[in-house]
Amino acid sequence: MERRKKDDLPPVLLGVRTFKTCKGDLAIQTDLRASEYGDVWKAGLELASYLEMDPSWVEGKKVLELGSGVGYLGLICALLGASQVTLTDQSPLLPVLRINAANCTASAPVKVVELDWGVADHRNQVARRTTPHLVVASDVVYEEQNIGPFIRTIQALWTESAAVGVPLQALVALKNREQAIEIRKLFFEVLDSKGFQATEVKPASEGVSIYCISQHASS
């Protein structure tokens, strides 16, 4: 799975955005030259707000963020009391992710790991090394080409967690794009065919719905 770059220039930090959180201000470096994903997106903000209202999702748990971008969502998890947070994305975003992780004031360790969902070795290594209790992701399947790699990553994480006896859940925030209705429908269908279900835990707010992904009872 390849993400488009804005240009071939080395990463350049284009600015700092400061967000108000229940734990104080959080400054996030952005880098739109490294990737179009080098900023904070609406779905990530909504899922972070949901977790701030109910931090029991993350308190004392190991959290893995898929498609971290600049790491805002994962860093909120760290601030809310996660025991460990792993931020993951493709190589163009790793420099800005490392900067934001290093600047985070949370007591929990925050790691940055390269993860391309389309590379089996990446999926399997991250699954073995992290064995999270909670996976978080936002706005990750608005393009059809991402559905298969994303779900294969979810499968790898669940397989490894089951092998070591770690219960796993995933929270995914999806922006309601009119042009992507069929893609979302396909995502849920493929998810179901692979033994997973998506339960809406927060109806659409600000154009974003939040789902909890879990395995079917019979899986």
N, C-alpha and C. Protein backbone atom coordinates (compact mmCIF):
# COMPACT_ATOMS: atom_id res chain seq x y z
N MET A 1 0.85 -1.18 0.00
CA MET A 1 0.00 0.00 0.00
C MET A 1 0.88 1.23 0.00
N GLU A 2 0.73 2.09 -0.95
CA GLU A 2 1.59 3.26 -1.08
C GLU A 2 0.80 4.52 -0.81
N ARG A 3 1.35 5.37 0.01
CA ARG A 3 0.74 6.66 0.26
C ARG A 3 1.44 7.70 -0.59
N ARG A 4 0.68 8.62 -1.12
CA ARG A 4 1.23 9.63 -2.00
C ARG A 4 2.01 10.68 -1.23
N LYS A 5 3.16 11.09 -1.77
CA LYS A 5 3.93 12.17 -1.19
C LYS A 5 3.58 13.48 -1.89
N LYS A 6 3.72 14.57 -1.17
CA LYS A 6 3.49 15.87 -1.76
C LYS A 6 4.61 16.22 -2.72
N ASP A 7 5.83 15.88 -2.38
CA ASP A 7 6.98 16.10 -3.25
C ASP A 7 8.10 15.23 -2.74
N ASP A 8 9.27 15.34 -3.35
CA ASP A 8 10.39 14.48 -2.98
C ASP A 8 11.37 15.19 -2.05
N LEU A 9 10.97 16.31 -1.47
CA LEU A 9 11.84 17.03 -0.56
C LEU A 9 11.95 16.27 0.77
N PRO A 10 13.07 16.45 1.48
CA PRO A 10 13.17 15.87 2.82
C PRO A 10 12.08 16.45 3.70
N PRO A 11 11.68 15.73 4.76
CA PRO A 11 10.63 16.24 5.65
C PRO A 11 10.96 17.64 6.18
N VAL A 12 9.99 18.53 6.12
CA VAL A 12 10.14 19.89 6.63
C VAL A 12 8.97 20.14 7.57
N LEU A 13 9.26 20.55 8.79
CA LEU A 13 8.20 20.82 9.74
C LEU A 13 7.54 22.12 9.36
N LEU A 14 6.25 22.05 9.01
CA LEU A 14 5.57 23.23 8.51
C LEU A 14 4.89 24.03 9.60
N GLY A 15 4.74 23.49 10.77
CA GLY A 15 4.07 24.26 11.80
C GLY A 15 3.75 23.45 13.03
N VAL A 16 3.23 24.13 14.03
CA VAL A 16 2.82 23.49 15.28
C VAL A 16 1.37 23.88 15.55
N ARG A 17 0.54 22.86 15.82
CA ARG A 17 -0.84 23.10 16.21
C ARG A 17 -1.00 22.73 17.68
N THR A 18 -1.66 23.59 18.42
CA THR A 18 -1.86 23.34 19.85
C THR A 18 -3.32 23.02 20.10
N PHE A 19 -3.57 21.90 20.78
CA PHE A 19 -4.93 21.42 21.03
C PHE A 19 -5.21 21.45 22.52
N LYS A 20 -6.41 21.87 22.88
CA LYS A 20 -6.87 21.82 24.25
C LYS A 20 -7.37 20.41 24.55
N THR A 21 -6.85 19.79 25.60
CA THR A 21 -7.29 18.47 26.01
C THR A 21 -7.64 18.49 27.49
N CYS A 22 -8.24 17.42 27.97
CA CYS A 22 -8.59 17.36 29.39
C CYS A 22 -7.35 17.26 30.28
N LYS A 23 -6.20 17.03 29.66
CA LYS A 23 -4.94 16.96 30.39
C LYS A 23 -4.06 18.17 30.13
N GLY A 24 -4.63 19.23 29.55
CA GLY A 24 -3.86 20.42 29.25
C GLY A 24 -3.59 20.54 27.76
N ASP A 25 -2.75 21.49 27.39
CA ASP A 25 -2.45 21.72 25.99
C ASP A 25 -1.54 20.62 25.44
N LEU A 26 -1.79 20.26 24.17
CA LEU A 26 -0.95 19.28 23.48
C LEU A 26 -0.49 19.91 22.17
N ALA A 27 0.81 20.14 22.06
CA ALA A 27 1.39 20.73 20.86
C ALA A 27 1.79 19.62 19.89
N ILE A 28 1.34 19.74 18.65
CA ILE A 28 1.61 18.72 17.64
C ILE A 28 2.33 19.36 16.45
N GLN A 29 3.48 18.84 16.13
CA GLN A 29 4.18 19.25 14.91
C GLN A 29 3.48 18.61 13.71
N THR A 30 3.35 19.38 12.64
CA THR A 30 2.76 18.84 11.41
C THR A 30 3.80 18.87 10.31
N ASP A 31 3.60 18.02 9.30
CA ASP A 31 4.57 17.91 8.21
C ASP A 31 3.86 17.48 6.93
N LEU A 32 3.25 18.43 6.27
CA LEU A 32 2.51 18.11 5.05
C LEU A 32 3.42 17.93 3.84
N ARG A 33 4.69 18.25 3.96
CA ARG A 33 5.61 17.97 2.86
C ARG A 33 5.99 16.50 2.84
N ALA A 34 6.05 15.87 4.01
CA ALA A 34 6.40 14.45 4.06
C ALA A 34 5.27 13.60 3.52
N SER A 35 4.04 14.01 3.78
CA SER A 35 2.86 13.23 3.36
C SER A 35 1.62 14.07 3.54
N GLU A 36 0.60 13.79 2.74
CA GLU A 36 -0.68 14.47 2.91
C GLU A 36 -1.34 14.09 4.24
N TYR A 37 -0.82 13.04 4.89
CA TYR A 37 -1.35 12.60 6.17
C TYR A 37 -0.63 13.25 7.35
N GLY A 38 0.22 14.21 7.06
CA GLY A 38 1.02 14.84 8.09
C GLY A 38 0.32 15.96 8.83
N ASP A 39 -0.94 15.76 9.17
CA ASP A 39 -1.71 16.74 9.93
C ASP A 39 -2.72 15.97 10.78
N VAL A 40 -3.47 16.68 11.59
CA VAL A 40 -4.49 16.06 12.43
C VAL A 40 -5.83 16.12 11.70
N TRP A 41 -6.48 14.96 11.56
CA TRP A 41 -7.72 14.89 10.80
C TRP A 41 -8.91 14.85 11.75
N LYS A 42 -10.07 15.21 11.22
CA LYS A 42 -11.29 15.34 12.02
C LYS A 42 -11.65 14.05 12.75
N ALA A 43 -11.55 12.93 12.09
CA ALA A 43 -11.94 11.67 12.73
C ALA A 43 -11.07 11.38 13.94
N GLY A 44 -9.79 11.71 13.86
CA GLY A 44 -8.90 11.52 14.99
C GLY A 44 -9.29 12.39 16.17
N LEU A 45 -9.68 13.63 15.88
CA LEU A 45 -10.13 14.54 16.94
C LEU A 45 -11.38 14.00 17.64
N GLU A 46 -12.31 13.46 16.86
CA GLU A 46 -13.56 12.95 17.44
C GLU A 46 -13.32 11.71 18.29
N LEU A 47 -12.46 10.80 17.82
CA LEU A 47 -12.18 9.60 18.61
C LEU A 47 -11.42 9.98 19.89
N ALA A 48 -10.52 10.93 19.78
CA ALA A 48 -9.80 11.39 20.98
C ALA A 48 -10.78 11.98 21.99
N SER A 49 -11.74 12.77 21.53
CA SER A 49 -12.74 13.35 22.43
C SER A 49 -13.58 12.27 23.09
N TYR A 50 -13.92 11.24 22.33
CA TYR A 50 -14.68 10.12 22.87
C TYR A 50 -13.90 9.43 24.00
N LEU A 51 -12.60 9.24 23.79
CA LEU A 51 -11.77 8.60 24.81
C LEU A 51 -11.60 9.50 26.04
N GLU A 52 -11.55 10.80 25.82
CA GLU A 52 -11.45 11.72 26.95
C GLU A 52 -12.70 11.63 27.84
N MET A 53 -13.85 11.38 27.22
CA MET A 53 -15.08 11.25 27.99
C MET A 53 -15.17 9.91 28.71
N ASP A 54 -14.46 8.90 28.20
CA ASP A 54 -14.46 7.58 28.82
C ASP A 54 -13.05 6.99 28.75
N PRO A 55 -12.15 7.46 29.61
CA PRO A 55 -10.76 7.01 29.55
C PRO A 55 -10.54 5.56 29.97
N SER A 56 -11.59 4.90 30.46
CA SER A 56 -11.44 3.50 30.85
C SER A 56 -11.05 2.62 29.66
N TRP A 57 -11.30 3.09 28.47
CA TRP A 57 -10.88 2.36 27.28
C TRP A 57 -9.36 2.16 27.25
N VAL A 58 -8.63 3.14 27.79
CA VAL A 58 -7.18 3.12 27.64
C VAL A 58 -6.40 3.00 28.96
N GLU A 59 -7.01 3.30 30.06
CA GLU A 59 -6.29 3.35 31.33
C GLU A 59 -5.62 2.01 31.66
N GLY A 60 -4.32 2.06 31.85
CA GLY A 60 -3.56 0.88 32.22
C GLY A 60 -3.38 -0.13 31.10
N LYS A 61 -3.70 0.25 29.87
CA LYS A 61 -3.65 -0.70 28.75
C LYS A 61 -2.56 -0.34 27.75
N LYS A 62 -2.09 -1.36 27.05
CA LYS A 62 -1.18 -1.14 25.94
C LYS A 62 -2.01 -0.78 24.71
N VAL A 63 -1.68 0.35 24.09
CA VAL A 63 -2.46 0.86 22.96
C VAL A 63 -1.59 0.93 21.71
N LEU A 64 -2.14 0.48 20.60
CA LEU A 64 -1.48 0.56 19.30
C LEU A 64 -2.34 1.41 18.38
N GLU A 65 -1.73 2.44 17.78
CA GLU A 65 -2.46 3.24 16.80
C GLU A 65 -2.01 2.86 15.40
N LEU A 66 -2.97 2.59 14.54
CA LEU A 66 -2.70 2.29 13.14
C LEU A 66 -2.91 3.54 12.31
N GLY A 67 -1.99 3.81 11.38
CA GLY A 67 -2.10 5.00 10.55
C GLY A 67 -2.04 6.27 11.38
N SER A 68 -1.00 6.39 12.19
CA SER A 68 -0.93 7.46 13.19
C SER A 68 -0.84 8.86 12.60
N GLY A 69 -0.32 9.00 11.40
CA GLY A 69 -0.14 10.35 10.85
C GLY A 69 0.89 11.11 11.67
N VAL A 70 0.45 12.11 12.43
CA VAL A 70 1.37 12.85 13.30
C VAL A 70 1.24 12.42 14.76
N GLY A 71 0.37 11.45 15.04
CA GLY A 71 0.34 10.84 16.36
C GLY A 71 -0.61 11.42 17.38
N TYR A 72 -1.47 12.35 16.96
CA TYR A 72 -2.34 13.02 17.93
C TYR A 72 -3.17 12.03 18.74
N LEU A 73 -3.86 11.13 18.07
CA LEU A 73 -4.76 10.20 18.77
C LEU A 73 -4.00 9.32 19.75
N GLY A 74 -2.90 8.76 19.30
CA GLY A 74 -2.12 7.90 20.18
C GLY A 74 -1.56 8.64 21.38
N LEU A 75 -1.16 9.90 21.18
CA LEU A 75 -0.62 10.69 22.29
C LEU A 75 -1.70 11.04 23.30
N ILE A 76 -2.92 11.23 22.83
CA ILE A 76 -4.04 11.42 23.76
C ILE A 76 -4.20 10.17 24.63
N CYS A 77 -4.07 9.01 24.02
CA CYS A 77 -4.16 7.76 24.78
C CYS A 77 -3.09 7.70 25.86
N ALA A 78 -1.88 8.15 25.52
CA ALA A 78 -0.79 8.17 26.50
C ALA A 78 -1.13 9.11 27.66
N LEU A 79 -1.66 10.28 27.34
CA LEU A 79 -2.02 11.25 28.37
C LEU A 79 -3.17 10.77 29.25
N LEU A 80 -4.02 9.91 28.70
CA LEU A 80 -5.18 9.42 29.44
C LEU A 80 -4.86 8.22 30.33
N GLY A 81 -3.61 7.80 30.37
CA GLY A 81 -3.24 6.76 31.30
C GLY A 81 -2.93 5.40 30.73
N ALA A 82 -2.72 5.31 29.40
CA ALA A 82 -2.30 4.03 28.83
C ALA A 82 -0.96 3.63 29.44
N SER A 83 -0.73 2.33 29.57
CA SER A 83 0.54 1.86 30.13
C SER A 83 1.67 1.93 29.11
N GLN A 84 1.31 1.87 27.83
CA GLN A 84 2.28 1.93 26.74
C GLN A 84 1.54 2.29 25.46
N VAL A 85 2.14 3.10 24.61
CA VAL A 85 1.52 3.46 23.34
C VAL A 85 2.52 3.24 22.22
N THR A 86 2.06 2.61 21.15
CA THR A 86 2.88 2.44 19.95
C THR A 86 2.21 3.17 18.80
N LEU A 87 2.93 4.12 18.21
CA LEU A 87 2.46 4.86 17.05
C LEU A 87 3.04 4.21 15.80
N THR A 88 2.22 3.99 14.79
CA THR A 88 2.71 3.33 13.58
C THR A 88 2.26 4.07 12.33
N ASP A 89 3.13 4.06 11.35
CA ASP A 89 2.78 4.59 10.03
C ASP A 89 3.91 4.25 9.07
N GLN A 90 3.80 4.71 7.83
CA GLN A 90 4.82 4.46 6.84
C GLN A 90 5.99 5.42 7.01
N SER A 91 7.09 5.10 6.36
CA SER A 91 8.37 5.77 6.62
C SER A 91 8.36 7.29 6.46
N PRO A 92 7.62 7.89 5.50
CA PRO A 92 7.69 9.35 5.38
C PRO A 92 7.23 10.10 6.63
N LEU A 93 6.40 9.47 7.44
CA LEU A 93 5.85 10.14 8.62
C LEU A 93 6.62 9.83 9.91
N LEU A 94 7.58 8.94 9.86
CA LEU A 94 8.28 8.55 11.08
C LEU A 94 9.06 9.71 11.72
N PRO A 95 9.72 10.60 10.95
CA PRO A 95 10.45 11.69 11.61
C PRO A 95 9.54 12.59 12.45
N VAL A 96 8.41 13.01 11.92
CA VAL A 96 7.53 13.89 12.69
C VAL A 96 6.86 13.13 13.82
N LEU A 97 6.59 11.85 13.62
CA LEU A 97 6.04 11.04 14.71
C LEU A 97 7.02 10.96 15.88
N ARG A 98 8.29 10.78 15.56
CA ARG A 98 9.30 10.68 16.62
C ARG A 98 9.42 12.00 17.38
N ILE A 99 9.32 13.11 16.68
CA ILE A 99 9.38 14.42 17.35
C ILE A 99 8.21 14.58 18.30
N ASN A 100 7.00 14.26 17.84
CA ASN A 100 5.82 14.41 18.70
C ASN A 100 5.85 13.45 19.87
N ALA A 101 6.34 12.24 19.64
CA ALA A 101 6.45 11.27 20.74
C ALA A 101 7.44 11.76 21.79
N ALA A 102 8.56 12.30 21.33
CA ALA A 102 9.59 12.78 22.25
C ALA A 102 9.10 13.98 23.07
N ASN A 103 8.22 14.79 22.47
CA ASN A 103 7.72 15.98 23.15
C ASN A 103 6.55 15.71 24.08
N CYS A 104 6.02 14.50 24.04
CA CYS A 104 4.85 14.16 24.85
C CYS A 104 5.23 14.11 26.33
N THR A 105 4.40 14.69 27.17
CA THR A 105 4.69 14.76 28.60
C THR A 105 4.09 13.60 29.39
N ALA A 106 3.46 12.67 28.72
CA ALA A 106 2.84 11.54 29.42
C ALA A 106 3.91 10.67 30.07
N SER A 107 3.55 10.01 31.16
CA SER A 107 4.49 9.12 31.84
C SER A 107 4.65 7.79 31.10
N ALA A 108 3.66 7.43 30.31
CA ALA A 108 3.71 6.17 29.57
C ALA A 108 4.75 6.23 28.47
N PRO A 109 5.49 5.13 28.25
CA PRO A 109 6.43 5.10 27.12
C PRO A 109 5.68 5.14 25.80
N VAL A 110 6.19 5.92 24.86
CA VAL A 110 5.59 6.04 23.53
C VAL A 110 6.63 5.62 22.50
N LYS A 111 6.32 4.57 21.77
CA LYS A 111 7.23 4.06 20.75
C LYS A 111 6.70 4.42 19.36
N VAL A 112 7.62 4.53 18.40
CA VAL A 112 7.27 4.79 17.01
C VAL A 112 7.83 3.64 16.17
N VAL A 113 6.95 3.01 15.39
CA VAL A 113 7.34 1.83 14.62
C VAL A 113 6.80 1.97 13.20
N GLU A 114 7.62 1.62 12.23
CA GLU A 114 7.16 1.63 10.84
C GLU A 114 6.20 0.47 10.60
N LEU A 115 5.09 0.77 9.97
CA LEU A 115 4.11 -0.27 9.63
C LEU A 115 3.40 0.09 8.34
N ASP A 116 3.66 -0.70 7.33
CA ASP A 116 2.93 -0.64 6.06
C ASP A 116 1.98 -1.83 6.07
N TRP A 117 0.68 -1.56 6.10
CA TRP A 117 -0.29 -2.65 6.21
C TRP A 117 -0.17 -3.67 5.09
N GLY A 118 0.35 -3.25 3.96
CA GLY A 118 0.45 -4.14 2.82
C GLY A 118 1.65 -5.07 2.85
N VAL A 119 2.50 -4.93 3.86
CA VAL A 119 3.71 -5.76 3.96
C VAL A 119 3.53 -6.76 5.10
N ALA A 120 3.48 -8.03 4.76
CA ALA A 120 3.20 -9.08 5.76
C ALA A 120 4.21 -9.07 6.89
N ASP A 121 5.49 -8.89 6.58
CA ASP A 121 6.51 -8.88 7.63
C ASP A 121 6.27 -7.75 8.63
N HIS A 122 5.86 -6.58 8.13
CA HIS A 122 5.55 -5.46 9.01
C HIS A 122 4.40 -5.84 9.95
N ARG A 123 3.32 -6.36 9.36
CA ARG A 123 2.14 -6.71 10.16
C ARG A 123 2.49 -7.70 11.25
N ASN A 124 3.21 -8.75 10.88
CA ASN A 124 3.50 -9.83 11.82
C ASN A 124 4.47 -9.39 12.91
N GLN A 125 5.48 -8.59 12.54
CA GLN A 125 6.44 -8.13 13.53
C GLN A 125 5.79 -7.20 14.55
N VAL A 126 4.97 -6.27 14.07
CA VAL A 126 4.30 -5.36 14.98
C VAL A 126 3.36 -6.13 15.90
N ALA A 127 2.64 -7.11 15.36
CA ALA A 127 1.73 -7.91 16.17
C ALA A 127 2.48 -8.65 17.28
N ARG A 128 3.62 -9.23 16.94
CA ARG A 128 4.40 -9.99 17.93
C ARG A 128 5.01 -9.08 18.99
N ARG A 129 5.44 -7.91 18.58
CA ARG A 129 6.19 -7.04 19.50
C ARG A 129 5.30 -6.18 20.40
N THR A 130 4.05 -6.00 20.01
CA THR A 130 3.20 -5.07 20.77
C THR A 130 2.12 -5.76 21.60
N THR A 131 1.49 -6.79 21.08
CA THR A 131 0.35 -7.47 21.72
C THR A 131 -0.50 -6.47 22.54
N PRO A 132 -1.15 -5.53 21.85
CA PRO A 132 -1.90 -4.48 22.55
C PRO A 132 -3.21 -5.00 23.13
N HIS A 133 -3.76 -4.22 24.06
CA HIS A 133 -5.12 -4.46 24.54
C HIS A 133 -6.13 -3.69 23.69
N LEU A 134 -5.69 -2.57 23.14
CA LEU A 134 -6.59 -1.72 22.36
C LEU A 134 -5.86 -1.20 21.13
N VAL A 135 -6.55 -1.32 19.99
CA VAL A 135 -6.08 -0.72 18.73
C VAL A 135 -6.98 0.46 18.42
N VAL A 136 -6.39 1.58 18.05
CA VAL A 136 -7.17 2.75 17.64
C VAL A 136 -6.75 3.16 16.23
N ALA A 137 -7.72 3.65 15.48
CA ALA A 137 -7.45 4.11 14.12
C ALA A 137 -8.53 5.09 13.71
N SER A 138 -8.18 6.02 12.85
CA SER A 138 -9.17 7.01 12.42
C SER A 138 -9.02 7.31 10.94
N ASP A 139 -10.17 7.33 10.26
CA ASP A 139 -10.23 7.69 8.84
C ASP A 139 -9.25 6.88 8.00
N VAL A 140 -9.34 5.56 8.12
CA VAL A 140 -8.33 4.71 7.49
C VAL A 140 -8.83 3.93 6.27
N VAL A 141 -10.14 3.91 6.02
CA VAL A 141 -10.64 3.07 4.93
C VAL A 141 -11.59 3.84 4.01
N TYR A 142 -11.23 5.06 3.67
CA TYR A 142 -12.07 5.82 2.74
C TYR A 142 -11.69 5.55 1.29
N GLU A 143 -10.62 4.76 1.08
CA GLU A 143 -10.23 4.31 -0.25
C GLU A 143 -10.29 2.79 -0.28
N GLU A 144 -10.85 2.24 -1.34
CA GLU A 144 -11.06 0.79 -1.40
C GLU A 144 -9.75 0.02 -1.29
N GLN A 145 -8.67 0.58 -1.82
CA GLN A 145 -7.39 -0.13 -1.82
C GLN A 145 -6.84 -0.38 -0.41
N ASN A 146 -7.35 0.35 0.56
CA ASN A 146 -6.85 0.19 1.93
C ASN A 146 -7.61 -0.86 2.74
N ILE A 147 -8.77 -1.28 2.25
CA ILE A 147 -9.61 -2.19 3.03
C ILE A 147 -8.90 -3.52 3.31
N GLY A 148 -8.42 -4.17 2.27
CA GLY A 148 -7.77 -5.47 2.44
C GLY A 148 -6.56 -5.40 3.36
N PRO A 149 -5.59 -4.50 3.09
CA PRO A 149 -4.42 -4.41 3.96
C PRO A 149 -4.75 -4.09 5.40
N PHE A 150 -5.73 -3.20 5.61
CA PHE A 150 -6.11 -2.84 6.98
C PHE A 150 -6.68 -4.05 7.71
N ILE A 151 -7.58 -4.78 7.07
CA ILE A 151 -8.20 -5.93 7.73
C ILE A 151 -7.18 -7.05 7.95
N ARG A 152 -6.24 -7.23 7.02
CA ARG A 152 -5.18 -8.23 7.24
C ARG A 152 -4.32 -7.85 8.45
N THR A 153 -4.13 -6.55 8.66
CA THR A 153 -3.40 -6.10 9.85
C THR A 153 -4.18 -6.42 11.11
N ILE A 154 -5.49 -6.15 11.09
CA ILE A 154 -6.35 -6.48 12.22
C ILE A 154 -6.28 -7.99 12.51
N GLN A 155 -6.32 -8.80 11.46
CA GLN A 155 -6.25 -10.25 11.65
C GLN A 155 -4.95 -10.67 12.31
N ALA A 156 -3.84 -10.09 11.86
CA ALA A 156 -2.53 -10.44 12.42
C ALA A 156 -2.47 -10.08 13.90
N LEU A 157 -3.01 -8.93 14.25
CA LEU A 157 -3.00 -8.49 15.64
C LEU A 157 -3.86 -9.42 16.51
N TRP A 158 -5.03 -9.80 16.01
CA TRP A 158 -5.91 -10.67 16.78
C TRP A 158 -5.31 -12.06 16.93
N THR A 159 -4.69 -12.56 15.88
CA THR A 159 -4.08 -13.89 15.94
C THR A 159 -3.00 -13.94 17.00
N GLU A 160 -2.13 -12.93 17.02
CA GLU A 160 -1.03 -12.91 17.99
C GLU A 160 -1.56 -12.71 19.40
N SER A 161 -2.54 -11.84 19.55
CA SER A 161 -3.10 -11.59 20.88
C SER A 161 -3.76 -12.85 21.44
N ALA A 162 -4.48 -13.58 20.59
CA ALA A 162 -5.11 -14.83 21.03
C ALA A 162 -4.07 -15.85 21.44
N ALA A 163 -2.95 -15.87 20.73
CA ALA A 163 -1.90 -16.85 21.02
C ALA A 163 -1.27 -16.64 22.39
N VAL A 164 -1.23 -15.38 22.85
CA VAL A 164 -0.61 -15.08 24.15
C VAL A 164 -1.65 -14.77 25.22
N GLY A 165 -2.93 -14.90 24.87
CA GLY A 165 -4.00 -14.72 25.84
C GLY A 165 -4.28 -13.29 26.24
N VAL A 166 -4.02 -12.35 25.34
CA VAL A 166 -4.30 -10.94 25.61
C VAL A 166 -5.62 -10.55 24.94
N PRO A 167 -6.63 -10.13 25.70
CA PRO A 167 -7.89 -9.70 25.09
C PRO A 167 -7.67 -8.43 24.28
N LEU A 168 -8.29 -8.35 23.13
CA LEU A 168 -8.05 -7.23 22.22
C LEU A 168 -9.36 -6.64 21.72
N GLN A 169 -9.41 -5.32 21.68
CA GLN A 169 -10.50 -4.59 21.05
C GLN A 169 -9.92 -3.52 20.13
N ALA A 170 -10.75 -3.01 19.25
CA ALA A 170 -10.30 -1.93 18.37
C ALA A 170 -11.39 -0.88 18.27
N LEU A 171 -11.00 0.38 18.31
CA LEU A 171 -11.90 1.49 18.08
C LEU A 171 -11.48 2.20 16.80
N VAL A 172 -12.44 2.34 15.90
CA VAL A 172 -12.15 2.96 14.60
C VAL A 172 -13.15 4.09 14.36
N ALA A 173 -12.63 5.27 14.07
CA ALA A 173 -13.48 6.42 13.74
C ALA A 173 -13.47 6.62 12.23
N LEU A 174 -14.64 6.72 11.65
CA LEU A 174 -14.78 6.89 10.21
C LEU A 174 -15.57 8.14 9.89
N LYS A 175 -15.01 8.97 9.05
CA LYS A 175 -15.72 10.16 8.61
C LYS A 175 -16.76 9.76 7.57
N ASN A 176 -17.95 10.34 7.70
CA ASN A 176 -19.06 9.99 6.80
C ASN A 176 -18.97 10.79 5.50
N ARG A 177 -18.24 10.23 4.56
CA ARG A 177 -18.08 10.86 3.25
C ARG A 177 -19.14 10.32 2.29
N GLU A 178 -19.90 11.21 1.70
CA GLU A 178 -20.96 10.78 0.79
C GLU A 178 -20.40 9.97 -0.36
N GLN A 179 -19.22 10.37 -0.86
CA GLN A 179 -18.65 9.69 -2.01
C GLN A 179 -18.03 8.34 -1.64
N ALA A 180 -17.99 8.03 -0.33
CA ALA A 180 -17.37 6.78 0.10
C ALA A 180 -18.35 5.84 0.79
N ILE A 181 -19.64 6.04 0.57
CA ILE A 181 -20.66 5.20 1.20
C ILE A 181 -20.48 3.74 0.82
N GLU A 182 -20.27 3.48 -0.46
CA GLU A 182 -20.11 2.10 -0.93
C GLU A 182 -18.82 1.49 -0.41
N ILE A 183 -17.79 2.30 -0.26
CA ILE A 183 -16.53 1.79 0.27
C ILE A 183 -16.69 1.37 1.73
N ARG A 184 -17.41 2.19 2.50
CA ARG A 184 -17.65 1.82 3.90
C ARG A 184 -18.47 0.54 3.98
N LYS A 185 -19.49 0.43 3.13
CA LYS A 185 -20.32 -0.78 3.11
C LYS A 185 -19.45 -2.00 2.80
N LEU A 186 -18.55 -1.86 1.84
CA LEU A 186 -17.65 -2.96 1.48
C LEU A 186 -16.73 -3.31 2.65
N PHE A 187 -16.26 -2.31 3.35
CA PHE A 187 -15.39 -2.53 4.51
C PHE A 187 -16.10 -3.40 5.54
N PHE A 188 -17.33 -3.06 5.87
CA PHE A 188 -18.08 -3.84 6.85
C PHE A 188 -18.34 -5.26 6.35
N GLU A 189 -18.61 -5.40 5.06
CA GLU A 189 -18.87 -6.73 4.49
C GLU A 189 -17.62 -7.61 4.56
N VAL A 190 -16.47 -7.05 4.18
CA VAL A 190 -15.23 -7.82 4.22
C VAL A 190 -14.85 -8.14 5.66
N LEU A 191 -15.05 -7.19 6.55
CA LEU A 191 -14.77 -7.40 7.96
C LEU A 191 -15.58 -8.59 8.48
N ASP A 192 -16.86 -8.61 8.14
CA ASP A 192 -17.76 -9.69 8.57
C ASP A 192 -17.31 -11.03 7.99
N SER A 193 -16.88 -11.02 6.74
CA SER A 193 -16.46 -12.27 6.09
C SER A 193 -15.20 -12.85 6.71
N LYS A 194 -14.44 -12.02 7.40
CA LYS A 194 -13.20 -12.46 8.04
C LYS A 194 -13.40 -12.77 9.53
N GLY A 195 -14.66 -12.75 9.98
CA GLY A 195 -14.94 -13.14 11.35
C GLY A 195 -14.98 -12.01 12.35
N PHE A 196 -15.15 -10.78 11.86
CA PHE A 196 -15.19 -9.62 12.75
C PHE A 196 -16.50 -8.86 12.57
N GLN A 197 -16.84 -8.09 13.58
CA GLN A 197 -18.02 -7.24 13.50
C GLN A 197 -17.68 -5.84 13.97
N ALA A 198 -18.38 -4.86 13.42
CA ALA A 198 -18.19 -3.46 13.81
C ALA A 198 -19.48 -2.98 14.44
N THR A 199 -19.40 -2.61 15.71
CA THR A 199 -20.56 -2.12 16.45
C THR A 199 -20.41 -0.63 16.69
N GLU A 200 -21.39 0.14 16.28
CA GLU A 200 -21.32 1.58 16.46
C GLU A 200 -21.45 1.91 17.95
N VAL A 201 -20.45 2.56 18.50
CA VAL A 201 -20.48 2.93 19.92
C VAL A 201 -20.76 4.41 20.12
N LYS A 202 -20.64 5.17 19.03
CA LYS A 202 -20.98 6.59 19.09
C LYS A 202 -21.52 7.00 17.73
N PRO A 203 -22.82 7.32 17.66
CA PRO A 203 -23.43 7.73 16.39
C PRO A 203 -22.74 8.98 15.84
N ALA A 204 -23.00 9.23 14.58
CA ALA A 204 -22.34 10.32 13.89
C ALA A 204 -22.43 11.64 14.65
N SER A 205 -21.27 12.24 14.88
CA SER A 205 -21.17 13.56 15.49
C SER A 205 -20.09 14.30 14.72
N GLU A 206 -20.40 15.51 14.28
CA GLU A 206 -19.45 16.27 13.46
C GLU A 206 -19.05 15.46 12.22
N GLY A 207 -20.00 14.64 11.74
CA GLY A 207 -19.74 13.87 10.53
C GLY A 207 -18.86 12.66 10.71
N VAL A 208 -18.65 12.21 11.96
CA VAL A 208 -17.77 11.07 12.25
C VAL A 208 -18.51 10.06 13.11
N SER A 209 -18.45 8.79 12.74
CA SER A 209 -19.01 7.70 13.54
C SER A 209 -17.87 6.88 14.11
N ILE A 210 -18.09 6.31 15.32
CA ILE A 210 -17.07 5.53 15.99
C ILE A 210 -17.57 4.11 16.18
N TYR A 211 -16.74 3.14 15.82
CA TYR A 211 -17.10 1.73 15.88
C TYR A 211 -16.12 0.95 16.73
N CYS A 212 -16.64 -0.05 17.43
CA CYS A 212 -15.80 -1.00 18.14
C CYS A 212 -15.74 -2.28 17.30
N ILE A 213 -14.54 -2.71 16.96
CA ILE A 213 -14.35 -3.92 16.18
C ILE A 213 -14.01 -5.07 17.13
N SER A 214 -14.72 -6.16 16.97
CA SER A 214 -14.47 -7.34 17.79
C SER A 214 -14.69 -8.57 16.93
N GLN A 215 -14.25 -9.72 17.43
CA GLN A 215 -14.47 -10.96 16.71
C GLN A 215 -15.88 -11.46 16.95
N HIS A 216 -16.43 -12.14 15.93
CA HIS A 216 -17.70 -12.82 16.14
C HIS A 216 -17.56 -13.83 17.28
N ALA A 217 -18.61 -14.06 18.00
CA ALA A 217 -18.57 -14.98 19.14
C ALA A 217 -18.10 -16.36 18.74
N SER A 218 -18.39 -16.77 17.52
CA SER A 218 -18.05 -18.11 17.07
C SER A 218 -16.63 -18.22 16.53
N SER A 219 -15.93 -17.03 16.40
CA SER A 219 -14.59 -17.04 15.80
C SER A 219 -13.54 -17.53 16.80
